[in-house]
């Protein structure tokens, strides 16, 4: 499948396998583009080898709690044959170190599929310097050797809802257009 076809499919359908990946019993939840109001905000992190990404916020009135979404492309960063298939690889490829180098998984990861792009998502607790801890969901999707990396930050009690809203937003036209331009698809 060409990169263009994969990114077009990203805007058409989003399916998340919500239970930990088990061949015998995956629970499938269909996702559609979100109707929540996402606003682009300034990228709050220092520039690193992957450059500046895109940052978005969704207020509690639309997403159940305040949610921040940080999104970047990592070109040539995935295992080209299999992508991200386990939690160890997700820890390595995800962008949680933007928040903190001290993070721990809250549960086993789960498979994530965006019609033609597959990957993994997992909730985490990140210890932030000086004053607080934060919960987040790291998601890494891959197509060929490229990765689309999303970090979804929200209150722990609202992580699942925040992930659904953010993944719905990722399937929309604004992010699809960005991904096509950024990845050269």
N, C-alpha and C. Protein backbone atom coordinates (compact mmCIF):
# COMPACT_ATOMS: atom_id res chain seq x y z
N UNK A 1 0.85 -1.16 0.00
CA UNK A 1 0.00 0.00 0.00
C UNK A 1 0.90 1.23 0.00
N UNK A 2 0.60 2.20 -0.81
CA UNK A 2 1.41 3.40 -0.88
C UNK A 2 1.21 4.26 0.35
N UNK A 3 2.16 5.14 0.60
CA UNK A 3 2.03 6.06 1.73
C UNK A 3 0.78 6.91 1.58
N UNK A 4 0.51 7.38 0.38
CA UNK A 4 -0.68 8.21 0.15
C UNK A 4 -1.95 7.44 0.50
N UNK A 5 -2.03 6.18 0.11
CA UNK A 5 -3.21 5.37 0.41
C UNK A 5 -3.35 5.16 1.92
N UNK A 6 -2.23 4.94 2.59
CA UNK A 6 -2.28 4.75 4.03
C UNK A 6 -2.79 6.01 4.72
N UNK A 7 -2.30 7.16 4.33
CA UNK A 7 -2.72 8.40 4.98
C UNK A 7 -4.15 8.76 4.61
N UNK A 8 -4.58 8.44 3.41
CA UNK A 8 -5.98 8.65 3.06
C UNK A 8 -6.86 7.78 3.94
N UNK A 9 -6.44 6.55 4.12
CA UNK A 9 -7.20 5.64 4.97
C UNK A 9 -7.24 6.13 6.41
N UNK A 10 -6.19 6.79 6.86
CA UNK A 10 -6.16 7.36 8.20
C UNK A 10 -7.32 8.30 8.42
N UNK A 11 -7.66 9.07 7.42
CA UNK A 11 -8.76 10.02 7.55
C UNK A 11 -10.12 9.38 7.42
N UNK A 12 -10.19 8.17 6.92
CA UNK A 12 -11.47 7.51 6.67
C UNK A 12 -11.93 6.68 7.85
N UNK A 13 -11.06 5.86 8.40
CA UNK A 13 -11.51 4.96 9.45
C UNK A 13 -10.44 4.78 10.49
N UNK A 14 -10.86 4.67 11.74
CA UNK A 14 -9.95 4.45 12.84
C UNK A 14 -10.53 3.36 13.72
N UNK A 15 -9.76 2.30 13.93
CA UNK A 15 -10.21 1.23 14.79
C UNK A 15 -9.17 1.02 15.87
N UNK A 16 -9.61 0.97 17.11
CA UNK A 16 -8.72 0.75 18.22
C UNK A 16 -9.05 -0.59 18.85
N UNK A 17 -8.07 -1.42 19.01
CA UNK A 17 -8.27 -2.66 19.74
C UNK A 17 -8.02 -2.31 21.20
N UNK A 18 -9.08 -2.25 21.99
CA UNK A 18 -9.05 -1.64 23.31
C UNK A 18 -8.52 -2.56 24.40
N UNK A 19 -8.52 -3.83 24.22
CA UNK A 19 -7.99 -4.74 25.23
C UNK A 19 -6.54 -5.04 24.92
N UNK A 20 -5.77 -5.51 25.91
CA UNK A 20 -4.41 -5.91 25.59
C UNK A 20 -4.42 -6.91 24.44
N UNK A 21 -3.43 -6.80 23.58
CA UNK A 21 -3.41 -7.65 22.38
C UNK A 21 -3.31 -9.12 22.76
N UNK A 22 -4.37 -9.86 22.46
CA UNK A 22 -4.39 -11.31 22.66
C UNK A 22 -5.06 -11.88 21.43
N UNK A 23 -4.42 -12.83 20.83
CA UNK A 23 -4.96 -13.40 19.60
C UNK A 23 -6.33 -14.02 19.82
N UNK A 24 -6.61 -14.48 21.02
CA UNK A 24 -7.85 -15.21 21.25
C UNK A 24 -9.07 -14.32 21.48
N UNK A 25 -8.91 -13.07 21.96
CA UNK A 25 -10.08 -12.31 22.35
C UNK A 25 -9.88 -10.80 22.27
N UNK A 26 -9.60 -10.22 21.09
CA UNK A 26 -9.44 -8.78 21.04
C UNK A 26 -10.81 -8.10 21.05
N UNK A 27 -10.95 -7.06 21.86
CA UNK A 27 -12.17 -6.25 21.86
C UNK A 27 -11.96 -5.11 20.88
N UNK A 28 -12.86 -4.93 19.95
CA UNK A 28 -12.68 -3.92 18.91
C UNK A 28 -13.69 -2.81 19.10
N UNK A 29 -13.22 -1.57 19.09
CA UNK A 29 -14.07 -0.40 19.22
C UNK A 29 -13.86 0.45 17.98
N UNK A 30 -14.93 0.75 17.26
CA UNK A 30 -14.81 1.57 16.07
C UNK A 30 -14.73 3.03 16.46
N UNK A 31 -13.85 3.78 15.84
CA UNK A 31 -13.67 5.20 16.12
C UNK A 31 -14.01 6.00 14.87
N UNK A 32 -14.53 7.19 15.07
CA UNK A 32 -14.78 8.11 13.97
C UNK A 32 -14.16 9.44 14.35
N UNK A 33 -13.98 10.34 13.38
CA UNK A 33 -13.41 11.63 13.73
C UNK A 33 -14.20 12.29 14.86
N UNK A 34 -13.47 12.90 15.78
CA UNK A 34 -14.06 13.51 16.96
C UNK A 34 -14.82 14.79 16.64
N UNK A 35 -15.81 15.08 17.42
CA UNK A 35 -16.52 16.35 17.30
C UNK A 35 -16.05 17.31 18.38
N UNK A 36 -15.16 16.87 19.25
CA UNK A 36 -14.62 17.73 20.30
C UNK A 36 -13.83 18.87 19.67
N UNK A 37 -13.77 19.96 20.38
CA UNK A 37 -13.07 21.15 19.89
C UNK A 37 -11.61 21.10 20.35
N UNK A 38 -10.73 20.88 19.41
CA UNK A 38 -9.29 20.87 19.68
C UNK A 38 -8.70 22.18 19.19
N UNK A 39 -7.85 22.79 20.01
CA UNK A 39 -7.19 24.04 19.65
C UNK A 39 -5.69 23.80 19.59
N UNK A 40 -5.07 24.31 18.55
CA UNK A 40 -3.61 24.17 18.48
C UNK A 40 -2.98 25.14 19.47
N UNK A 41 -1.97 24.63 20.18
CA UNK A 41 -1.23 25.43 21.15
C UNK A 41 0.25 25.36 20.78
N UNK A 42 1.05 26.19 21.43
CA UNK A 42 2.49 26.23 21.17
C UNK A 42 3.14 24.94 21.68
N UNK A 43 4.07 24.40 20.89
CA UNK A 43 4.85 23.23 21.28
C UNK A 43 5.65 23.61 22.54
N UNK A 44 5.42 22.92 23.66
CA UNK A 44 6.03 23.36 24.93
C UNK A 44 7.40 22.78 25.25
N UNK A 45 7.95 21.96 24.36
CA UNK A 45 9.18 21.24 24.67
C UNK A 45 10.36 21.81 23.90
N UNK A 46 11.55 21.55 24.41
CA UNK A 46 12.77 21.94 23.71
C UNK A 46 12.90 21.12 22.43
N UNK A 47 13.61 21.67 21.46
CA UNK A 47 13.85 20.95 20.22
C UNK A 47 14.89 19.85 20.45
N UNK A 48 14.61 18.67 19.93
CA UNK A 48 15.56 17.57 20.00
C UNK A 48 15.80 17.04 18.59
N UNK A 49 16.37 15.84 18.47
CA UNK A 49 16.70 15.31 17.14
C UNK A 49 15.48 15.07 16.27
N UNK A 50 14.27 15.04 16.84
CA UNK A 50 13.06 14.82 16.05
C UNK A 50 12.34 16.12 15.73
N UNK A 51 12.88 17.23 16.20
CA UNK A 51 12.32 18.53 15.86
C UNK A 51 11.07 18.87 16.67
N UNK A 52 10.46 19.96 16.26
CA UNK A 52 9.26 20.46 16.91
C UNK A 52 8.06 19.73 16.33
N UNK A 53 7.14 19.39 17.19
CA UNK A 53 5.92 18.72 16.76
C UNK A 53 4.74 19.67 16.78
N UNK A 54 3.57 19.10 16.84
CA UNK A 54 2.32 19.86 16.94
C UNK A 54 1.72 19.57 18.30
N UNK A 55 1.11 20.56 18.89
CA UNK A 55 0.48 20.41 20.20
C UNK A 55 -0.96 20.93 20.12
N UNK A 56 -1.86 20.22 20.79
CA UNK A 56 -3.27 20.56 20.77
C UNK A 56 -3.83 20.42 22.19
N UNK A 57 -4.90 21.17 22.47
CA UNK A 57 -5.58 21.08 23.76
C UNK A 57 -7.07 20.93 23.52
N UNK A 58 -7.70 20.16 24.39
CA UNK A 58 -9.15 19.99 24.38
C UNK A 58 -9.62 20.27 25.81
N UNK A 59 -10.57 21.15 25.94
CA UNK A 59 -11.08 21.53 27.27
C UNK A 59 -12.01 20.45 27.83
N UNK A 60 -12.15 20.46 29.14
CA UNK A 60 -12.97 19.46 29.83
C UNK A 60 -14.40 19.43 29.31
N UNK A 61 -14.94 20.56 28.90
CA UNK A 61 -16.32 20.58 28.40
C UNK A 61 -16.50 19.74 27.15
N UNK A 62 -15.44 19.54 26.38
CA UNK A 62 -15.50 18.73 25.16
C UNK A 62 -14.95 17.33 25.33
N UNK A 63 -13.96 17.17 26.20
CA UNK A 63 -13.25 15.89 26.31
C UNK A 63 -13.40 15.19 27.65
N UNK A 64 -14.22 15.71 28.54
CA UNK A 64 -14.41 15.07 29.85
C UNK A 64 -13.42 15.54 30.90
N UNK A 65 -12.24 15.94 30.48
CA UNK A 65 -11.23 16.58 31.32
C UNK A 65 -10.32 17.35 30.38
N UNK A 66 -9.50 18.22 30.94
CA UNK A 66 -8.54 18.92 30.08
C UNK A 66 -7.55 17.88 29.54
N UNK A 67 -7.33 17.94 28.22
CA UNK A 67 -6.45 16.98 27.55
C UNK A 67 -5.45 17.74 26.70
N UNK A 68 -4.20 17.32 26.76
CA UNK A 68 -3.17 17.84 25.86
C UNK A 68 -2.72 16.70 24.95
N UNK A 69 -2.49 17.02 23.70
CA UNK A 69 -2.06 16.04 22.71
C UNK A 69 -0.81 16.57 22.03
N UNK A 70 0.26 15.80 22.11
CA UNK A 70 1.53 16.17 21.47
C UNK A 70 1.78 15.15 20.37
N UNK A 71 2.09 15.64 19.19
CA UNK A 71 2.14 14.80 17.99
C UNK A 71 3.41 15.08 17.20
N UNK A 72 4.12 14.02 16.83
CA UNK A 72 5.32 14.17 16.00
C UNK A 72 5.45 13.01 15.03
N UNK A 73 6.17 13.27 13.98
CA UNK A 73 6.55 12.23 13.03
C UNK A 73 8.00 11.86 13.32
N UNK A 74 8.27 10.57 13.26
CA UNK A 74 9.64 10.07 13.39
C UNK A 74 9.92 9.25 12.15
N UNK A 75 10.59 9.86 11.21
CA UNK A 75 10.82 9.25 9.91
C UNK A 75 11.99 8.27 10.01
N UNK A 76 11.74 7.03 9.56
CA UNK A 76 12.77 6.00 9.57
C UNK A 76 13.07 5.46 10.96
N UNK A 77 12.13 5.55 11.89
CA UNK A 77 12.41 5.20 13.28
C UNK A 77 11.78 3.89 13.72
N UNK A 78 11.03 3.24 12.87
CA UNK A 78 10.34 2.00 13.26
C UNK A 78 10.99 0.78 12.64
N UNK A 79 10.73 -0.35 13.25
CA UNK A 79 11.07 -1.62 12.63
C UNK A 79 10.20 -1.70 11.38
N UNK A 80 10.81 -1.67 10.23
CA UNK A 80 10.07 -1.59 8.96
C UNK A 80 9.14 -2.78 8.73
N UNK A 81 9.50 -3.93 9.24
CA UNK A 81 8.69 -5.13 8.98
C UNK A 81 7.51 -5.27 9.92
N UNK A 82 7.72 -4.98 11.21
CA UNK A 82 6.66 -5.24 12.19
C UNK A 82 6.13 -4.01 12.90
N UNK A 83 6.87 -2.91 12.89
CA UNK A 83 6.43 -1.73 13.63
C UNK A 83 6.57 -1.92 15.12
N UNK A 84 5.69 -1.30 15.88
CA UNK A 84 5.73 -1.36 17.34
C UNK A 84 4.72 -2.43 17.79
N UNK A 85 5.23 -3.54 18.29
CA UNK A 85 4.36 -4.67 18.62
C UNK A 85 4.38 -5.06 20.09
N UNK A 86 5.26 -4.44 20.89
CA UNK A 86 5.29 -4.77 22.32
C UNK A 86 5.56 -3.52 23.14
N UNK A 87 5.38 -3.65 24.45
CA UNK A 87 5.50 -2.50 25.34
C UNK A 87 6.93 -1.97 25.41
N UNK A 88 7.91 -2.85 25.32
CA UNK A 88 9.31 -2.41 25.36
C UNK A 88 9.62 -1.49 24.18
N UNK A 89 9.15 -1.86 23.01
CA UNK A 89 9.36 -1.03 21.82
C UNK A 89 8.58 0.28 21.93
N UNK A 90 7.38 0.23 22.47
CA UNK A 90 6.59 1.45 22.68
C UNK A 90 7.31 2.40 23.62
N UNK A 91 7.88 1.88 24.70
CA UNK A 91 8.65 2.72 25.63
C UNK A 91 9.82 3.40 24.91
N UNK A 92 10.45 2.69 24.01
CA UNK A 92 11.63 3.21 23.30
C UNK A 92 11.26 4.25 22.25
N UNK A 93 10.19 4.01 21.49
CA UNK A 93 9.85 4.87 20.35
C UNK A 93 8.94 6.04 20.76
N UNK A 94 8.12 5.84 21.78
CA UNK A 94 7.19 6.88 22.21
C UNK A 94 7.88 8.14 22.69
N UNK A 95 7.11 9.17 22.91
CA UNK A 95 7.65 10.48 23.30
C UNK A 95 7.47 10.80 24.78
N UNK A 96 7.28 9.80 25.64
CA UNK A 96 7.14 10.08 27.06
C UNK A 96 8.35 10.80 27.65
N UNK A 97 9.59 10.57 27.16
CA UNK A 97 10.71 11.35 27.69
C UNK A 97 10.56 12.86 27.52
N UNK A 98 9.65 13.31 26.64
CA UNK A 98 9.38 14.75 26.58
C UNK A 98 8.82 15.23 27.92
N UNK A 99 8.01 14.39 28.56
CA UNK A 99 7.41 14.74 29.86
C UNK A 99 8.39 14.48 30.99
N UNK A 100 9.02 13.31 30.97
CA UNK A 100 9.89 12.90 32.07
C UNK A 100 10.62 11.61 31.67
N UNK A 101 11.82 11.45 32.17
CA UNK A 101 12.53 10.19 31.97
C UNK A 101 12.10 9.16 33.01
N UNK A 102 11.29 9.59 33.98
CA UNK A 102 10.80 8.69 35.02
C UNK A 102 9.33 8.39 34.74
N UNK A 103 9.08 7.31 34.01
CA UNK A 103 7.71 6.92 33.71
C UNK A 103 7.58 5.42 33.86
N UNK A 104 6.35 5.01 34.21
CA UNK A 104 6.08 3.59 34.41
C UNK A 104 4.70 3.29 33.83
N UNK A 105 4.58 2.14 33.18
CA UNK A 105 3.31 1.73 32.61
C UNK A 105 2.28 1.45 33.69
N UNK A 106 1.05 1.90 33.50
CA UNK A 106 -0.04 1.65 34.44
C UNK A 106 -0.76 0.35 34.12
N UNK A 107 -0.64 -0.12 32.90
CA UNK A 107 -1.28 -1.36 32.46
C UNK A 107 -0.51 -1.85 31.24
N UNK A 108 -0.81 -3.06 30.83
CA UNK A 108 -0.21 -3.57 29.60
C UNK A 108 -0.71 -2.74 28.43
N UNK A 109 0.10 -2.65 27.41
CA UNK A 109 -0.29 -1.91 26.21
C UNK A 109 -1.36 -2.64 25.43
N UNK A 110 -1.91 -1.95 24.45
CA UNK A 110 -2.95 -2.53 23.60
C UNK A 110 -2.66 -2.16 22.15
N UNK A 111 -3.07 -3.03 21.26
CA UNK A 111 -2.87 -2.80 19.84
C UNK A 111 -3.76 -1.65 19.38
N UNK A 112 -3.23 -0.84 18.49
CA UNK A 112 -3.97 0.27 17.90
C UNK A 112 -3.83 0.14 16.40
N UNK A 113 -4.92 0.25 15.69
CA UNK A 113 -4.88 0.17 14.24
C UNK A 113 -5.66 1.32 13.63
N UNK A 114 -5.00 1.98 12.70
CA UNK A 114 -5.63 3.05 11.94
C UNK A 114 -5.58 2.60 10.49
N UNK A 115 -6.68 2.05 10.02
CA UNK A 115 -6.82 1.48 8.69
C UNK A 115 -5.53 1.56 7.86
N UNK A 116 -4.69 0.58 7.99
CA UNK A 116 -3.45 0.51 7.24
C UNK A 116 -2.22 0.84 8.07
N UNK A 117 -2.39 1.51 9.19
CA UNK A 117 -1.28 1.78 10.10
C UNK A 117 -1.57 1.05 11.40
N UNK A 118 -0.58 0.31 11.87
CA UNK A 118 -0.78 -0.40 13.13
C UNK A 118 0.24 0.09 14.14
N UNK A 119 -0.03 -0.19 15.38
CA UNK A 119 0.89 0.23 16.42
C UNK A 119 0.40 -0.19 17.77
N UNK A 120 0.73 0.61 18.76
CA UNK A 120 0.46 0.24 20.15
C UNK A 120 0.22 1.50 20.97
N UNK A 121 -0.62 1.37 21.98
CA UNK A 121 -0.88 2.44 22.93
C UNK A 121 -0.80 1.87 24.34
N UNK A 122 -0.44 2.72 25.30
CA UNK A 122 -0.31 2.26 26.68
C UNK A 122 -0.42 3.45 27.63
N UNK A 123 -1.14 3.28 28.75
CA UNK A 123 -1.21 4.35 29.74
C UNK A 123 0.02 4.34 30.65
N UNK A 124 0.44 5.52 31.07
CA UNK A 124 1.64 5.67 31.91
C UNK A 124 1.42 6.69 33.01
N UNK A 125 2.23 6.55 34.04
CA UNK A 125 2.39 7.57 35.08
C UNK A 125 3.78 8.15 34.86
N UNK A 126 3.87 9.46 34.70
CA UNK A 126 5.16 10.13 34.50
C UNK A 126 5.40 11.04 35.70
N UNK A 127 6.57 10.93 36.29
CA UNK A 127 6.93 11.81 37.40
C UNK A 127 7.60 13.04 36.82
N UNK A 128 6.96 14.17 37.04
CA UNK A 128 7.48 15.42 36.50
C UNK A 128 8.39 16.09 37.52
N UNK A 129 9.41 16.77 37.02
CA UNK A 129 10.36 17.40 37.94
C UNK A 129 9.68 18.42 38.85
N UNK A 130 10.14 18.47 40.06
CA UNK A 130 9.82 19.49 41.06
C UNK A 130 8.46 19.39 41.73
N UNK A 131 7.37 19.10 41.02
CA UNK A 131 6.13 19.34 41.72
C UNK A 131 4.97 18.40 41.49
N UNK A 132 4.91 17.62 40.46
CA UNK A 132 3.71 16.80 40.29
C UNK A 132 3.98 15.59 39.40
N UNK A 133 3.02 14.70 39.41
CA UNK A 133 3.02 13.57 38.50
C UNK A 133 1.88 13.77 37.51
N UNK A 134 1.99 13.14 36.39
CA UNK A 134 0.97 13.28 35.35
C UNK A 134 0.75 11.92 34.70
N UNK A 135 -0.48 11.67 34.28
CA UNK A 135 -0.74 10.45 33.55
C UNK A 135 -0.86 10.77 32.07
N UNK A 136 -0.48 9.79 31.27
CA UNK A 136 -0.47 9.99 29.82
C UNK A 136 -0.66 8.65 29.12
N UNK A 137 -1.07 8.73 27.87
CA UNK A 137 -1.13 7.55 27.02
C UNK A 137 -0.17 7.81 25.87
N UNK A 138 0.76 6.89 25.66
CA UNK A 138 1.66 6.97 24.51
C UNK A 138 1.09 6.09 23.41
N UNK A 139 1.07 6.62 22.19
CA UNK A 139 0.59 5.87 21.03
C UNK A 139 1.63 6.00 19.94
N UNK A 140 2.01 4.89 19.35
CA UNK A 140 2.91 4.91 18.20
C UNK A 140 2.27 4.09 17.10
N UNK A 141 2.07 4.72 15.95
CA UNK A 141 1.56 4.05 14.75
C UNK A 141 2.68 4.01 13.73
N UNK A 142 2.68 2.98 12.91
CA UNK A 142 3.73 2.95 11.89
C UNK A 142 3.15 2.57 10.53
N UNK A 143 3.82 3.07 9.51
CA UNK A 143 3.59 2.67 8.14
C UNK A 143 4.98 2.59 7.52
N UNK A 144 5.30 1.43 7.04
CA UNK A 144 6.65 1.16 6.54
C UNK A 144 7.64 1.47 7.65
N UNK A 145 8.59 2.35 7.44
CA UNK A 145 9.62 2.62 8.45
C UNK A 145 9.38 3.91 9.22
N UNK A 146 8.27 4.57 8.98
CA UNK A 146 7.96 5.85 9.62
C UNK A 146 6.98 5.65 10.77
N UNK A 147 7.08 6.53 11.77
CA UNK A 147 6.19 6.46 12.92
C UNK A 147 5.46 7.78 13.10
N UNK A 148 4.21 7.69 13.48
CA UNK A 148 3.44 8.83 13.95
C UNK A 148 3.29 8.60 15.44
N UNK A 149 3.84 9.52 16.24
CA UNK A 149 3.92 9.37 17.68
C UNK A 149 3.02 10.39 18.35
N UNK A 150 2.11 9.92 19.20
CA UNK A 150 1.20 10.80 19.92
C UNK A 150 1.35 10.56 21.42
N UNK A 151 1.35 11.65 22.18
CA UNK A 151 1.34 11.58 23.63
C UNK A 151 0.11 12.33 24.10
N UNK A 152 -0.75 11.64 24.81
CA UNK A 152 -2.04 12.17 25.26
C UNK A 152 -1.96 12.33 26.77
N UNK A 153 -2.05 13.56 27.27
CA UNK A 153 -1.92 13.83 28.70
C UNK A 153 -3.28 14.23 29.25
N UNK A 154 -3.71 13.53 30.31
CA UNK A 154 -5.01 13.81 30.94
C UNK A 154 -5.00 13.27 32.37
N UNK A 155 -6.05 13.62 33.11
CA UNK A 155 -6.21 13.09 34.46
C UNK A 155 -6.38 11.57 34.39
N UNK A 156 -5.86 10.89 35.37
CA UNK A 156 -5.87 9.42 35.37
C UNK A 156 -7.28 8.84 35.20
N UNK A 157 -8.26 9.41 35.87
CA UNK A 157 -9.63 8.89 35.78
C UNK A 157 -10.26 9.10 34.41
N UNK A 158 -9.63 9.90 33.58
CA UNK A 158 -10.19 10.21 32.26
C UNK A 158 -9.29 9.76 31.11
N UNK A 159 -8.30 8.94 31.40
CA UNK A 159 -7.34 8.55 30.35
C UNK A 159 -8.00 7.82 29.19
N UNK A 160 -8.88 6.87 29.47
CA UNK A 160 -9.50 6.10 28.38
C UNK A 160 -10.34 7.02 27.49
N UNK A 161 -11.12 7.89 28.10
CA UNK A 161 -11.93 8.84 27.33
C UNK A 161 -11.04 9.80 26.54
N UNK A 162 -9.96 10.27 27.17
CA UNK A 162 -9.03 11.18 26.49
C UNK A 162 -8.38 10.49 25.29
N UNK A 163 -8.04 9.21 25.45
CA UNK A 163 -7.44 8.47 24.34
C UNK A 163 -8.43 8.35 23.18
N UNK A 164 -9.69 8.02 23.48
CA UNK A 164 -10.70 7.90 22.42
C UNK A 164 -10.86 9.24 21.68
N UNK A 165 -10.97 10.33 22.43
CA UNK A 165 -11.14 11.65 21.80
C UNK A 165 -9.92 12.02 20.96
N UNK A 166 -8.72 11.77 21.49
CA UNK A 166 -7.50 12.12 20.76
C UNK A 166 -7.35 11.27 19.51
N UNK A 167 -7.65 9.97 19.60
CA UNK A 167 -7.55 9.12 18.42
C UNK A 167 -8.59 9.51 17.38
N UNK A 168 -9.75 9.91 17.83
CA UNK A 168 -10.75 10.43 16.90
C UNK A 168 -10.26 11.68 16.19
N UNK A 169 -9.60 12.55 16.94
CA UNK A 169 -9.02 13.77 16.34
C UNK A 169 -7.93 13.41 15.34
N UNK A 170 -7.12 12.41 15.66
CA UNK A 170 -6.04 11.99 14.75
C UNK A 170 -6.58 11.50 13.42
N UNK A 171 -7.80 11.01 13.41
CA UNK A 171 -8.38 10.51 12.16
C UNK A 171 -9.01 11.61 11.32
N UNK A 172 -9.02 12.82 11.84
CA UNK A 172 -9.64 13.93 11.13
C UNK A 172 -8.75 14.57 10.08
N UNK A 173 -9.33 15.47 9.32
CA UNK A 173 -8.67 16.10 8.18
C UNK A 173 -7.44 16.92 8.57
N UNK A 174 -7.50 17.66 9.68
CA UNK A 174 -6.38 18.52 10.06
C UNK A 174 -5.11 17.72 10.29
N UNK A 175 -5.20 16.63 11.03
CA UNK A 175 -4.02 15.82 11.32
C UNK A 175 -3.61 15.02 10.09
N UNK A 176 -4.56 14.52 9.35
CA UNK A 176 -4.25 13.76 8.14
C UNK A 176 -3.47 14.63 7.16
N UNK A 177 -3.90 15.87 6.98
CA UNK A 177 -3.19 16.79 6.08
C UNK A 177 -1.77 17.04 6.57
N UNK A 178 -1.61 17.26 7.89
CA UNK A 178 -0.28 17.47 8.47
C UNK A 178 0.61 16.25 8.22
N UNK A 179 0.09 15.06 8.49
CA UNK A 179 0.88 13.84 8.33
C UNK A 179 1.33 13.66 6.88
N UNK A 180 0.44 13.92 5.93
CA UNK A 180 0.81 13.79 4.52
C UNK A 180 1.94 14.74 4.16
N UNK A 181 1.86 15.97 4.61
CA UNK A 181 2.91 16.95 4.31
C UNK A 181 4.21 16.61 5.02
N UNK A 182 4.12 16.26 6.28
CA UNK A 182 5.32 16.00 7.09
C UNK A 182 6.06 14.74 6.63
N UNK A 183 5.30 13.71 6.33
CA UNK A 183 5.92 12.43 5.95
C UNK A 183 6.15 12.31 4.44
N UNK A 184 5.72 13.31 3.69
CA UNK A 184 5.93 13.28 2.25
C UNK A 184 5.10 12.24 1.55
N UNK A 185 3.91 11.97 2.07
CA UNK A 185 3.05 10.95 1.48
C UNK A 185 2.16 11.60 0.50
